[in-house]
Amino acid sequence: MSDNTSGQGSQFVERRDESYLSNSIFDDKCLDELQASDKHEIIVKIAKVLGTSPETLAQAEQILTQVKFEITRFVLHHEYCREKKIGIRSNLLIWLESKINPGEAKNITNFFGKYIK
């Protein structure tokens, strides 16, 4: 039996179907708690960079709120896709763009409709 370091395990992961948190065994309250916990961990990491004053947590939360979708797009395009050499579903890109540039979402949807199938 081989372990995951042999490459066989990673090939299996790449072929797996998509998973959805909405279909998980956890209810909405639990998913909300997991989201709040993950968000708090990120805010604490940002606050550590900002300094030790008490207001850094509030500043860190503002930073996260303002740039979370841009960071997501950056990581997907420049880390995930480059490393894995795989694409991103167009509906995810459209969704991200609608969060980053709400007024441009229709133009982006039209572009994908014309040129990407």
PDB file of N, CA and C in Angstrom:
ATOM      1  N   MET A   1       0.842  -1.172   0.000  1.00  0.00           N
ATOM      2  CA  MET A   1       0.000   0.000   0.000  1.00  0.00           C
ATOM      3  C   MET A   1       0.884   1.231   0.000  1.00  0.00           C
ATOM      4  N   SER A   2       0.640   2.164  -0.874  1.00  0.00           N
ATOM      5  CA  SER A   2       1.506   3.339  -0.966  1.00  0.00           C
ATOM      6  C   SER A   2       0.969   4.471  -0.105  1.00  0.00           C
ATOM      7  N   ASP A   3       1.884   5.366   0.267  1.00  0.00           N
ATOM      8  CA  ASP A   3       1.472   6.528   1.045  1.00  0.00           C
ATOM      9  C   ASP A   3       1.209   7.707   0.124  1.00  0.00           C
ATOM     10  N   ASN A   4       0.761   8.809   0.694  1.00  0.00           N
ATOM     11  CA  ASN A   4       0.421   9.994  -0.099  1.00  0.00           C
ATOM     12  C   ASN A   4       1.629  10.696  -0.685  1.00  0.00           C
ATOM     13  N   THR A   5       2.822  10.403  -0.210  1.00  0.00           N
ATOM     14  CA  THR A   5       4.009  11.083  -0.718  1.00  0.00           C
ATOM     15  C   THR A   5       4.475  10.501  -2.039  1.00  0.00           C
ATOM     16  N   SER A   6       3.907   9.377  -2.447  1.00  0.00           N
ATOM     17  CA  SER A   6       4.356   8.733  -3.678  1.00  0.00           C
ATOM     18  C   SER A   6       3.810   9.418  -4.931  1.00  0.00           C
ATOM     19  N   GLY A   7       2.878  10.349  -4.747  1.00  0.00           N
ATOM     20  CA  GLY A   7       2.287  10.999  -5.904  1.00  0.00           C
ATOM     21  C   GLY A   7       0.943  10.407  -6.254  1.00  0.00           C
ATOM     22  N   GLN A   8       0.733   9.172  -5.873  1.00  0.00           N
ATOM     23  CA  GLN A   8      -0.526   8.511  -6.185  1.00  0.00           C
ATOM     24  C   GLN A   8      -1.678   9.199  -5.466  1.00  0.00           C
ATOM     25  N   GLY A   9      -1.500   9.559  -4.203  1.00  0.00           N
ATOM     26  CA  GLY A   9      -2.545  10.229  -3.429  1.00  0.00           C
ATOM     27  C   GLY A   9      -2.893  11.578  -4.008  1.00  0.00           C
ATOM     28  N   SER A  10      -1.898  12.324  -4.473  1.00  0.00           N
ATOM     29  CA  SER A  10      -2.173  13.648  -5.023  1.00  0.00           C
ATOM     30  C   SER A  10      -2.920  13.558  -6.343  1.00  0.00           C
ATOM     31  N   GLN A  11      -2.678  12.510  -7.121  1.00  0.00           N
ATOM     32  CA  GLN A  11      -3.432  12.333  -8.361  1.00  0.00           C
ATOM     33  C   GLN A  11      -4.888  12.048  -8.042  1.00  0.00           C
ATOM     34  N   PHE A  12      -5.129  11.287  -6.997  1.00  0.00           N
ATOM     35  CA  PHE A  12      -6.499  10.991  -6.604  1.00  0.00           C
ATOM     36  C   PHE A  12      -7.226  12.269  -6.211  1.00  0.00           C
ATOM     37  N   VAL A  13      -6.568  13.132  -5.446  1.00  0.00           N
ATOM     38  CA  VAL A  13      -7.185  14.370  -4.999  1.00  0.00           C
ATOM     39  C   VAL A  13      -7.570  15.238  -6.195  1.00  0.00           C
ATOM     40  N   GLU A  14      -6.729  15.296  -7.202  1.00  0.00           N
ATOM     41  CA  GLU A  14      -7.014  16.129  -8.363  1.00  0.00           C
ATOM     42  C   GLU A  14      -8.205  15.614  -9.168  1.00  0.00           C
ATOM     43  N   ARG A  15      -8.490  14.338  -9.105  1.00  0.00           N
ATOM     44  CA  ARG A  15      -9.587  13.767  -9.879  1.00  0.00           C
ATOM     45  C   ARG A  15     -10.904  13.769  -9.114  1.00  0.00           C
ATOM     46  N   ARG A  16     -10.881  14.077  -7.851  1.00  0.00           N
ATOM     47  CA  ARG A  16     -12.088  14.007  -7.032  1.00  0.00           C
ATOM     48  C   ARG A  16     -13.121  15.028  -7.487  1.00  0.00           C
ATOM     49  N   ASP A  17     -14.363  14.716  -7.204  1.00  0.00           N
ATOM     50  CA  ASP A  17     -15.453  15.643  -7.481  1.00  0.00           C
ATOM     51  C   ASP A  17     -15.344  16.862  -6.583  1.00  0.00           C
ATOM     52  N   GLU A  18     -16.050  17.905  -6.964  1.00  0.00           N
ATOM     53  CA  GLU A  18     -16.072  19.108  -6.146  1.00  0.00           C
ATOM     54  C   GLU A  18     -16.813  18.822  -4.851  1.00  0.00           C
ATOM     55  N   SER A  19     -16.428  19.513  -3.814  1.00  0.00           N
ATOM     56  CA  SER A  19     -17.145  19.375  -2.556  1.00  0.00           C
ATOM     57  C   SER A  19     -17.761  20.728  -2.194  1.00  0.00           C
ATOM     58  N   TYR A  20     -18.858  20.683  -1.519  1.00  0.00           N
ATOM     59  CA  TYR A  20     -19.601  21.881  -1.162  1.00  0.00           C
ATOM     60  C   TYR A  20     -19.861  21.879   0.334  1.00  0.00           C
ATOM     61  N   LEU A  21     -19.529  22.969   1.007  1.00  0.00           N
ATOM     62  CA  LEU A  21     -19.805  23.043   2.437  1.00  0.00           C
ATOM     63  C   LEU A  21     -21.304  22.969   2.718  1.00  0.00           C
ATOM     64  N   SER A  22     -22.104  23.462   1.785  1.00  0.00           N
ATOM     65  CA  SER A  22     -23.547  23.424   1.985  1.00  0.00           C
ATOM     66  C   SER A  22     -24.078  21.998   2.021  1.00  0.00           C
ATOM     67  N   ASN A  23     -23.324  21.037   1.504  1.00  0.00           N
ATOM     68  CA  ASN A  23     -23.730  19.630   1.538  1.00  0.00           C
ATOM     69  C   ASN A  23     -23.039  18.856   2.655  1.00  0.00           C
ATOM     70  N   SER A  24     -22.385  19.548   3.559  1.00  0.00           N
ATOM     71  CA  SER A  24     -21.629  18.865   4.601  1.00  0.00           C
ATOM     72  C   SER A  24     -22.563  18.350   5.694  1.00  0.00           C
ATOM     73  N   ILE A  25     -21.974  17.620   6.610  1.00  0.00           N
ATOM     74  CA  ILE A  25     -22.739  17.085   7.736  1.00  0.00           C
ATOM     75  C   ILE A  25     -23.019  18.162   8.780  1.00  0.00           C
ATOM     76  N   PHE A  26     -22.391  19.328   8.653  1.00  0.00           N
ATOM     77  CA  PHE A  26     -22.560  20.402   9.621  1.00  0.00           C
ATOM     78  C   PHE A  26     -23.773  21.248   9.270  1.00  0.00           C
ATOM     79  N   ASP A  27     -24.463  21.729  10.290  1.00  0.00           N
ATOM     80  CA  ASP A  27     -25.601  22.608  10.039  1.00  0.00           C
ATOM     81  C   ASP A  27     -25.107  24.051   9.866  1.00  0.00           C
ATOM     82  N   ASP A  28     -26.013  24.951   9.515  1.00  0.00           N
ATOM     83  CA  ASP A  28     -25.639  26.343   9.243  1.00  0.00           C
ATOM     84  C   ASP A  28     -24.994  27.023  10.447  1.00  0.00           C
ATOM     85  N   LYS A  29     -25.490  26.733  11.637  1.00  0.00           N
ATOM     86  CA  LYS A  29     -24.910  27.345  12.838  1.00  0.00           C
ATOM     87  C   LYS A  29     -23.457  26.925  13.006  1.00  0.00           C
ATOM     88  N   CYS A  30     -23.178  25.662  12.788  1.00  0.00           N
ATOM     89  CA  CYS A  30     -21.807  25.162  12.899  1.00  0.00           C
ATOM     90  C   CYS A  30     -20.915  25.774  11.813  1.00  0.00           C
ATOM     91  N   LEU A  31     -21.437  25.854  10.577  1.00  0.00           N
ATOM     92  CA  LEU A  31     -20.663  26.462   9.487  1.00  0.00           C
ATOM     93  C   LEU A  31     -20.368  27.927   9.781  1.00  0.00           C
ATOM     94  N   ASP A  32     -21.334  28.629  10.379  1.00  0.00           N
ATOM     95  CA  ASP A  32     -21.113  30.028  10.753  1.00  0.00           C
ATOM     96  C   ASP A  32     -20.028  30.143  11.813  1.00  0.00           C
ATOM     97  N   GLU A  33     -20.021  29.223  12.760  1.00  0.00           N
ATOM     98  CA  GLU A  33     -18.981  29.213  13.794  1.00  0.00           C
ATOM     99  C   GLU A  33     -17.606  28.930  13.201  1.00  0.00           C
ATOM    100  N   LEU A  34     -17.534  27.976  12.270  1.00  0.00           N
ATOM    101  CA  LEU A  34     -16.260  27.679  11.599  1.00  0.00           C
ATOM    102  C   LEU A  34     -15.767  28.896  10.821  1.00  0.00           C
ATOM    103  N   GLN A  35     -16.680  29.575  10.130  1.00  0.00           N
ATOM    104  CA  GLN A  35     -16.309  30.773   9.384  1.00  0.00           C
ATOM    105  C   GLN A  35     -15.792  31.864  10.319  1.00  0.00           C
ATOM    106  N   ALA A  36     -16.500  32.089  11.431  1.00  0.00           N
ATOM    107  CA  ALA A  36     -16.073  33.106  12.393  1.00  0.00           C
ATOM    108  C   ALA A  36     -14.708  32.769  12.979  1.00  0.00           C
ATOM    109  N   SER A  37     -14.474  31.505  13.258  1.00  0.00           N
ATOM    110  CA  SER A  37     -13.190  31.077  13.813  1.00  0.00           C
ATOM    111  C   SER A  37     -12.055  31.294  12.812  1.00  0.00           C
ATOM    112  N   ASP A  38     -12.277  30.894  11.560  1.00  0.00           N
ATOM    113  CA  ASP A  38     -11.260  31.103  10.520  1.00  0.00           C
ATOM    114  C   ASP A  38     -10.992  32.588  10.307  1.00  0.00           C
ATOM    115  N   LYS A  39     -12.056  33.380  10.268  1.00  0.00           N
ATOM    116  CA  LYS A  39     -11.913  34.832  10.083  1.00  0.00           C
ATOM    117  C   LYS A  39     -11.101  35.423  11.229  1.00  0.00           C
ATOM    118  N   HIS A  40     -11.406  35.018  12.453  1.00  0.00           N
ATOM    119  CA  HIS A  40     -10.686  35.538  13.618  1.00  0.00           C
ATOM    120  C   HIS A  40      -9.193  35.202  13.546  1.00  0.00           C
ATOM    121  N   GLU A  41      -8.869  33.986  13.127  1.00  0.00           N
ATOM    122  CA  GLU A  41      -7.457  33.602  13.010  1.00  0.00           C
ATOM    123  C   GLU A  41      -6.725  34.488  12.003  1.00  0.00           C
ATOM    124  N   ILE A  42      -7.382  34.795  10.891  1.00  0.00           N
ATOM    125  CA  ILE A  42      -6.765  35.663   9.882  1.00  0.00           C
ATOM    126  C   ILE A  42      -6.600  37.072  10.439  1.00  0.00           C
ATOM    127  N   ILE A  43      -7.616  37.578  11.118  1.00  0.00           N
ATOM    128  CA  ILE A  43      -7.559  38.922  11.695  1.00  0.00           C
ATOM    129  C   ILE A  43      -6.421  39.023  12.708  1.00  0.00           C
ATOM    130  N   VAL A  44      -6.249  38.011  13.527  1.00  0.00           N
ATOM    131  CA  VAL A  44      -5.163  38.011  14.519  1.00  0.00           C
ATOM    132  C   VAL A  44      -3.808  38.043  13.823  1.00  0.00           C
ATOM    133  N   LYS A  45      -3.652  37.294  12.732  1.00  0.00           N
ATOM    134  CA  LYS A  45      -2.377  37.295  11.995  1.00  0.00           C
ATOM    135  C   LYS A  45      -2.103  38.666  11.380  1.00  0.00           C
ATOM    136  N   ILE A  46      -3.122  39.290  10.820  1.00  0.00           N
ATOM    137  CA  ILE A  46      -2.946  40.638  10.257  1.00  0.00           C
ATOM    138  C   ILE A  46      -2.599  41.619  11.366  1.00  0.00           C
ATOM    139  N   ALA A  47      -3.285  41.513  12.506  1.00  0.00           N
ATOM    140  CA  ALA A  47      -3.045  42.425  13.631  1.00  0.00           C
ATOM    141  C   ALA A  47      -1.615  42.311  14.149  1.00  0.00           C
ATOM    142  N   LYS A  48      -1.061  41.122  14.143  1.00  0.00           N
ATOM    143  CA  LYS A  48       0.328  40.943  14.600  1.00  0.00           C
ATOM    144  C   LYS A  48       1.298  41.729  13.734  1.00  0.00           C
ATOM    145  N   VAL A  49       0.992  41.833  12.440  1.00  0.00           N
ATOM    146  CA  VAL A  49       1.851  42.597  11.537  1.00  0.00           C
ATOM    147  C   VAL A  49       1.713  44.094  11.812  1.00  0.00           C
ATOM    148  N   LEU A  50       0.507  44.520  12.172  1.00  0.00           N
ATOM    149  CA  LEU A  50       0.240  45.943  12.385  1.00  0.00           C
ATOM    150  C   LEU A  50       0.833  46.490  13.669  1.00  0.00           C
ATOM    151  N   GLY A  51       1.002  45.653  14.660  1.00  0.00           N
ATOM    152  CA  GLY A  51       1.573  46.122  15.921  1.00  0.00           C
ATOM    153  C   GLY A  51       0.806  45.627  17.118  1.00  0.00           C
ATOM    154  N   THR A  52       1.123  46.218  18.268  1.00  0.00           N
ATOM    155  CA  THR A  52       0.571  45.715  19.522  1.00  0.00           C
ATOM    156  C   THR A  52      -0.495  46.614  20.136  1.00  0.00           C
ATOM    157  N   SER A  53      -0.846  47.701  19.506  1.00  0.00           N
ATOM    158  CA  SER A  53      -1.854  48.589  20.100  1.00  0.00           C
ATOM    159  C   SER A  53      -3.233  47.943  20.037  1.00  0.00           C
ATOM    160  N   PRO A  54      -4.104  48.285  20.967  1.00  0.00           N
ATOM    161  CA  PRO A  54      -5.425  47.646  21.047  1.00  0.00           C
ATOM    162  C   PRO A  54      -6.284  47.809  19.794  1.00  0.00           C
ATOM    163  N   GLU A  55      -6.122  48.876  19.061  1.00  0.00           N
ATOM    164  CA  GLU A  55      -6.972  49.102  17.886  1.00  0.00           C
ATOM    165  C   GLU A  55      -6.549  48.284  16.660  1.00  0.00           C
ATOM    166  N   THR A  56      -5.452  47.538  16.750  1.00  0.00           N
ATOM    167  CA  THR A  56      -5.003  46.786  15.576  1.00  0.00           C
ATOM    168  C   THR A  56      -5.979  45.688  15.159  1.00  0.00           C
ATOM    169  N   LEU A  57      -6.714  45.122  16.109  1.00  0.00           N
ATOM    170  CA  LEU A  57      -7.699  44.103  15.731  1.00  0.00           C
ATOM    171  C   LEU A  57      -8.791  44.708  14.844  1.00  0.00           C
ATOM    172  N   ALA A  58      -9.261  45.886  15.200  1.00  0.00           N
ATOM    173  CA  ALA A  58     -10.286  46.553  14.383  1.00  0.00           C
ATOM    174  C   ALA A  58      -9.716  46.922  13.013  1.00  0.00           C
ATOM    175  N   GLN A  59      -8.484  47.399  12.984  1.00  0.00           N
ATOM    176  CA  GLN A  59      -7.837  47.734  11.714  1.00  0.00           C
ATOM    177  C   GLN A  59      -7.647  46.478  10.866  1.00  0.00           C
ATOM    178  N   ALA A  60      -7.239  45.404  11.493  1.00  0.00           N
ATOM    179  CA  ALA A  60      -7.026  44.137  10.780  1.00  0.00           C
ATOM    180  C   ALA A  60      -8.335  43.633  10.181  1.00  0.00           C
ATOM    181  N   GLU A  61      -9.429  43.766  10.911  1.00  0.00           N
ATOM    182  CA  GLU A  61     -10.722  43.340  10.380  1.00  0.00           C
ATOM    183  C   GLU A  61     -11.125  44.190   9.173  1.00  0.00           C
ATOM    184  N   GLN A  62     -10.864  45.492   9.229  1.00  0.00           N
ATOM    185  CA  GLN A  62     -11.144  46.371   8.083  1.00  0.00           C
ATOM    186  C   GLN A  62     -10.306  45.964   6.874  1.00  0.00           C
ATOM    187  N   ILE A  63      -9.043  45.679   7.106  1.00  0.00           N
ATOM    188  CA  ILE A  63      -8.164  45.261   6.006  1.00  0.00           C
ATOM    189  C   ILE A  63      -8.690  43.980   5.377  1.00  0.00           C
ATOM    190  N   LEU A  64      -9.022  42.998   6.188  1.00  0.00           N
ATOM    191  CA  LEU A  64      -9.547  41.735   5.670  1.00  0.00           C
ATOM    192  C   LEU A  64     -10.807  41.973   4.846  1.00  0.00           C
ATOM    193  N   THR A  65     -11.722  42.755   5.374  1.00  0.00           N
ATOM    194  CA  THR A  65     -12.977  43.033   4.670  1.00  0.00           C
ATOM    195  C   THR A  65     -12.723  43.706   3.330  1.00  0.00           C
ATOM    196  N   GLN A  66     -11.776  44.621   3.284  1.00  0.00           N
ATOM    197  CA  GLN A  66     -11.527  45.392   2.065  1.00  0.00           C
ATOM    198  C   GLN A  66     -10.775  44.613   0.993  1.00  0.00           C
ATOM    199  N   VAL A  67      -9.935  43.647   1.375  1.00  0.00           N
ATOM    200  CA  VAL A  67      -9.084  42.995   0.373  1.00  0.00           C
ATOM    201  C   VAL A  67      -9.272  41.483   0.239  1.00  0.00           C
ATOM    202  N   LYS A  68     -10.232  40.902   0.922  1.00  0.00           N
ATOM    203  CA  LYS A  68     -10.337  39.435   0.921  1.00  0.00           C
ATOM    204  C   LYS A  68     -10.590  38.852  -0.464  1.00  0.00           C
ATOM    205  N   PHE A  69     -11.378  39.518  -1.289  1.00  0.00           N
ATOM    206  CA  PHE A  69     -11.656  38.974  -2.616  1.00  0.00           C
ATOM    207  C   PHE A  69     -10.467  39.161  -3.559  1.00  0.00           C
ATOM    208  N   GLU A  70      -9.756  40.282  -3.412  1.00  0.00           N
ATOM    209  CA  GLU A  70      -8.549  40.482  -4.208  1.00  0.00           C
ATOM    210  C   GLU A  70      -7.475  39.467  -3.830  1.00  0.00           C
ATOM    211  N   ILE A  71      -7.354  39.184  -2.550  1.00  0.00           N
ATOM    212  CA  ILE A  71      -6.389  38.171  -2.100  1.00  0.00           C
ATOM    213  C   ILE A  71      -6.778  36.810  -2.648  1.00  0.00           C
ATOM    214  N   THR A  72      -8.065  36.500  -2.607  1.00  0.00           N
ATOM    215  CA  THR A  72      -8.539  35.221  -3.143  1.00  0.00           C
ATOM    216  C   THR A  72      -8.201  35.086  -4.616  1.00  0.00           C
ATOM    217  N   ARG A  73      -8.481  36.132  -5.381  1.00  0.00           N
ATOM    218  CA  ARG A  73      -8.176  36.105  -6.817  1.00  0.00           C
ATOM    219  C   ARG A  73      -6.677  35.944  -7.040  1.00  0.00           C
ATOM    220  N   PHE A  74      -5.872  36.681  -6.293  1.00  0.00           N
ATOM    221  CA  PHE A  74      -4.419  36.590  -6.413  1.00  0.00           C
ATOM    222  C   PHE A  74      -3.934  35.165  -6.139  1.00  0.00           C
ATOM    223  N   VAL A  75      -4.386  34.579  -5.044  1.00  0.00           N
ATOM    224  CA  VAL A  75      -3.938  33.231  -4.672  1.00  0.00           C
ATOM    225  C   VAL A  75      -4.371  32.219  -5.721  1.00  0.00           C
ATOM    226  N   LEU A  76      -5.615  32.301  -6.181  1.00  0.00           N
ATOM    227  CA  LEU A  76      -6.094  31.355  -7.185  1.00  0.00           C
ATOM    228  C   LEU A  76      -5.307  31.457  -8.488  1.00  0.00           C
ATOM    229  N   HIS A  77      -5.117  32.672  -8.973  1.00  0.00           N
ATOM    230  CA  HIS A  77      -4.433  32.865 -10.253  1.00  0.00           C
ATOM    231  C   HIS A  77      -2.936  32.600 -10.187  1.00  0.00           C
ATOM    232  N   HIS A  78      -2.287  33.140  -9.173  1.00  0.00           N
ATOM    233  CA  HIS A  78      -0.829  33.166  -9.165  1.00  0.00           C
ATOM    234  C   HIS A  78      -0.184  32.084  -8.305  1.00  0.00           C
ATOM    235  N   GLU A  79      -0.957  31.408  -7.501  1.00  0.00           N
ATOM    236  CA  GLU A  79      -0.400  30.339  -6.688  1.00  0.00           C
ATOM    237  C   GLU A  79      -1.030  28.996  -7.085  1.00  0.00           C
ATOM    238  N   TYR A  80      -2.327  28.891  -6.944  1.00  0.00           N
ATOM    239  CA  TYR A  80      -3.012  27.629  -7.204  1.00  0.00           C
ATOM    240  C   TYR A  80      -2.904  27.207  -8.669  1.00  0.00           C
ATOM    241  N   CYS A  81      -3.304  28.056  -9.580  1.00  0.00           N
ATOM    242  CA  CYS A  81      -3.293  27.677 -11.005  1.00  0.00           C
ATOM    243  C   CYS A  81      -1.880  27.459 -11.521  1.00  0.00           C
ATOM    244  N   ARG A  82      -0.964  28.265 -11.084  1.00  0.00           N
ATOM    245  CA  ARG A  82       0.416  28.119 -11.555  1.00  0.00           C
ATOM    246  C   ARG A  82       1.040  26.842 -11.017  1.00  0.00           C
ATOM    247  N   GLU A  83       0.785  26.557  -9.754  1.00  0.00           N
ATOM    248  CA  GLU A  83       1.367  25.365  -9.144  1.00  0.00           C
ATOM    249  C   GLU A  83       0.711  24.086  -9.663  1.00  0.00           C
ATOM    250  N   LYS A  84      -0.570  24.081  -9.772  1.00  0.00           N
ATOM    251  CA  LYS A  84      -1.299  22.879 -10.159  1.00  0.00           C
ATOM    252  C   LYS A  84      -1.457  22.745 -11.674  1.00  0.00           C
ATOM    253  N   LYS A  85      -1.211  23.830 -12.392  1.00  0.00           N
ATOM    254  CA  LYS A  85      -1.367  23.834 -13.849  1.00  0.00           C
ATOM    255  C   LYS A  85      -2.786  23.412 -14.252  1.00  0.00           C
ATOM    256  N   ILE A  86      -3.747  23.892 -13.480  1.00  0.00           N
ATOM    257  CA  ILE A  86      -5.144  23.629 -13.800  1.00  0.00           C
ATOM    258  C   ILE A  86      -5.900  24.944 -13.798  1.00  0.00           C
ATOM    259  N   GLY A  87      -7.057  24.941 -14.385  1.00  0.00           N
ATOM    260  CA  GLY A  87      -7.838  26.158 -14.503  1.00  0.00           C
ATOM    261  C   GLY A  87      -8.809  26.364 -13.359  1.00  0.00           C
ATOM    262  N   ILE A  88      -9.490  27.471 -13.458  1.00  0.00           N
ATOM    263  CA  ILE A  88     -10.521  27.841 -12.490  1.00  0.00           C
ATOM    264  C   ILE A  88     -11.840  27.916 -13.239  1.00  0.00           C
ATOM    265  N   ARG A  89     -12.892  27.462 -12.635  1.00  0.00           N
ATOM    266  CA  ARG A  89     -14.207  27.549 -13.268  1.00  0.00           C
ATOM    267  C   ARG A  89     -14.569  29.009 -13.505  1.00  0.00           C
ATOM    268  N   SER A  90     -15.132  29.279 -14.660  1.00  0.00           N
ATOM    269  CA  SER A  90     -15.474  30.654 -15.016  1.00  0.00           C
ATOM    270  C   SER A  90     -16.500  31.250 -14.067  1.00  0.00           C
ATOM    271  N   ASN A  91     -17.415  30.435 -13.520  1.00  0.00           N
ATOM    272  CA  ASN A  91     -18.398  31.001 -12.597  1.00  0.00           C
ATOM    273  C   ASN A  91     -17.742  31.496 -11.309  1.00  0.00           C
ATOM    274  N   LEU A  92     -16.628  30.879 -10.894  1.00  0.00           N
ATOM    275  CA  LEU A  92     -15.894  31.377  -9.740  1.00  0.00           C
ATOM    276  C   LEU A  92     -15.234  32.712 -10.060  1.00  0.00           C
ATOM    277  N   LEU A  93     -14.641  32.827 -11.232  1.00  0.00           N
ATOM    278  CA  LEU A  93     -14.022  34.089 -11.632  1.00  0.00           C
ATOM    279  C   LEU A  93     -15.057  35.208 -11.733  1.00  0.00           C
ATOM    280  N   ILE A  94     -16.204  34.894 -12.294  1.00  0.00           N
ATOM    281  CA  ILE A  94     -17.273  35.888 -12.406  1.00  0.00           C
ATOM    282  C   ILE A  94     -17.743  36.313 -11.016  1.00  0.00           C
ATOM    283  N   TRP A  95     -17.906  35.351 -10.142  1.00  0.00           N
ATOM    284  CA  TRP A  95     -18.330  35.671  -8.784  1.00  0.00           C
ATOM    285  C   TRP A  95     -17.308  36.564  -8.084  1.00  0.00           C
ATOM    286  N   LEU A  96     -16.013  36.218  -8.191  1.00  0.00           N
ATOM    287  CA  LEU A  96     -14.974  37.042  -7.576  1.00  0.00           C
ATOM    288  C   LEU A  96     -14.976  38.452  -8.143  1.00  0.00           C
ATOM    289  N   GLU A  97     -15.061  38.560  -9.462  1.00  0.00           N
ATOM    290  CA  GLU A  97     -15.079  39.890 -10.076  1.00  0.00           C
ATOM    291  C   GLU A  97     -16.293  40.688  -9.638  1.00  0.00           C
ATOM    292  N   SER A  98     -17.433  40.024  -9.459  1.00  0.00           N
ATOM    293  CA  SER A  98     -18.628  40.747  -9.016  1.00  0.00           C
ATOM    294  C   SER A  98     -18.453  41.262  -7.593  1.00  0.00           C
ATOM    295  N   LYS A  99     -17.645  40.584  -6.793  1.00  0.00           N
ATOM    296  CA  LYS A  99     -17.359  41.053  -5.436  1.00  0.00           C
ATOM    297  C   LYS A  99     -16.337  42.188  -5.446  1.00  0.00           C
ATOM    298  N   ILE A 100     -15.374  42.112  -6.363  1.00  0.00           N
ATOM    299  CA  ILE A 100     -14.322  43.125  -6.441  1.00  0.00           C
ATOM    300  C   ILE A 100     -14.824  44.376  -7.158  1.00  0.00           C
ATOM    301  N   ASN A 101     -15.511  44.187  -8.280  1.00  0.00           N
ATOM    302  CA  ASN A 101     -16.032  45.290  -9.103  1.00  0.00           C
ATOM    303  C   ASN A 101     -17.503  45.032  -9.399  1.00  0.00           C
ATOM    304  N   PRO A 102     -18.379  45.322  -8.449  1.00  0.00           N
ATOM    305  CA  PRO A 102     -19.796  44.985  -8.631  1.00  0.00           C
ATOM    306  C   PRO A 102     -20.409  45.558  -9.908  1.00  0.00           C
ATOM    307  N   GLY A 103     -20.006  46.733 -10.333  1.00  0.00           N
ATOM    308  CA  GLY A 103     -20.560  47.349 -11.534  1.00  0.00           C
ATOM    309  C   GLY A 103     -20.126  46.691 -12.821  1.00  0.00           C
ATOM    310  N   GLU A 104     -19.039  45.937 -12.787  1.00  0.00           N
ATOM    311  CA  GLU A 104     -18.495  45.317 -13.988  1.00  0.00           C
ATOM    312  C   GLU A 104     -18.915  43.859 -14.168  1.00  0.00           C
ATOM    313  N   ALA A 105     -19.674  43.332 -13.252  1.00  0.00           N
ATOM    314  CA  ALA A 105     -20.022  41.903 -13.290  1.00  0.00           C
ATOM    315  C   ALA A 105     -20.731  41.527 -14.579  1.00  0.00           C
ATOM    316  N   LYS A 106     -21.635  42.357 -15.064  1.00  0.00           N
ATOM    317  CA  LYS A 106     -22.365  42.025 -16.291  1.00  0.00           C
ATOM    318  C   LYS A 106     -21.424  41.980 -17.494  1.00  0.00           C
ATOM    319  N   ASN A 107     -20.504  42.936 -17.603  1.00  0.00           N
ATOM    320  CA  ASN A 107     -19.539  42.942 -18.703  1.00  0.00           C
ATOM    321  C   ASN A 107     -18.674  41.690 -18.689  1.00  0.00           C
ATOM    322  N   ILE A 108     -18.260  41.282 -17.512  1.00  0.00           N
ATOM    323  CA  ILE A 108     -17.418  40.090 -17.392  1.00  0.00           C
ATOM    324  C   ILE A 108     -18.208  38.845 -17.769  1.00  0.00           C
ATOM    325  N   THR A 109     -19.446  38.776 -17.329  1.00  0.00           N
ATOM    326  CA  THR A 109     -20.305  37.645 -17.686  1.00  0.00           C
ATOM    327  C   THR A 109     -20.476  37.557 -19.191  1.00  0.00           C
ATOM    328  N   ASN A 110     -20.700  38.688 -19.842  1.00  0.00           N
ATOM    329  CA  ASN A 110     -20.839  38.716 -21.299  1.00  0.00           C
ATOM    330  C   ASN A 110     -19.551  38.273 -21.989  1.00  0.00           C
ATOM    331  N   PHE A 111     -18.405  38.725 -21.482  1.00  0.00           N
ATOM    332  CA  PHE A 111     -17.115  38.343 -22.052  1.00  0.00           C
ATOM    333  C   PHE A 111     -16.938  36.834 -21.990  1.00  0.00           C
ATOM    334  N   PHE A 112     -17.160  36.265 -20.811  1.00  0.00           N
ATOM    335  CA  PHE A 112     -17.013  34.814 -20.670  1.00  0.00           C
ATOM    336  C   PHE A 112     -17.998  34.076 -21.556  1.00  0.00           C
ATOM    337  N   GLY A 113     -19.192  34.618 -21.692  1.00  0.00           N
ATOM    338  CA  GLY A 113     -20.188  33.982 -22.547  1.00  0.00           C
ATOM    339  C   GLY A 113     -19.779  33.938 -23.997  1.00  0.00           C
ATOM    340  N   LYS A 114     -19.076  34.964 -24.461  1.00  0.00           N
ATOM    341  CA  LYS A 114     -18.664  35.043 -25.866  1.00  0.00           C
ATOM    342  C   LYS A 114     -17.413  34.236 -26.167  1.00  0.00           C
ATOM    343  N   TYR A 115     -16.417  34.305 -25.271  1.00  0.00           N
ATOM    344  CA  TYR A 115     -15.103  33.793 -25.607  1.00  0.00           C
ATOM    345  C   TYR A 115     -14.689  32.522 -24.874  1.00  0.00           C
ATOM    346  N   ILE A 116     -15.355  32.204 -23.790  1.00  0.00           N
ATOM    347  CA  ILE A 116     -14.959  31.026 -23.024  1.00  0.00           C
ATOM    348  C   ILE A 116     -16.162  30.108 -22.889  1.00  0.00           C
ATOM    349  N   LYS A 117     -16.012  28.914 -23.402  1.00  0.00           N
ATOM    350  CA  LYS A 117     -17.110  27.940 -23.313  1.00  0.00           C
ATOM    351  C   LYS A 117     -16.606  26.651 -22.745  1.00  0.00           C
TER     352      LYS A 117
END
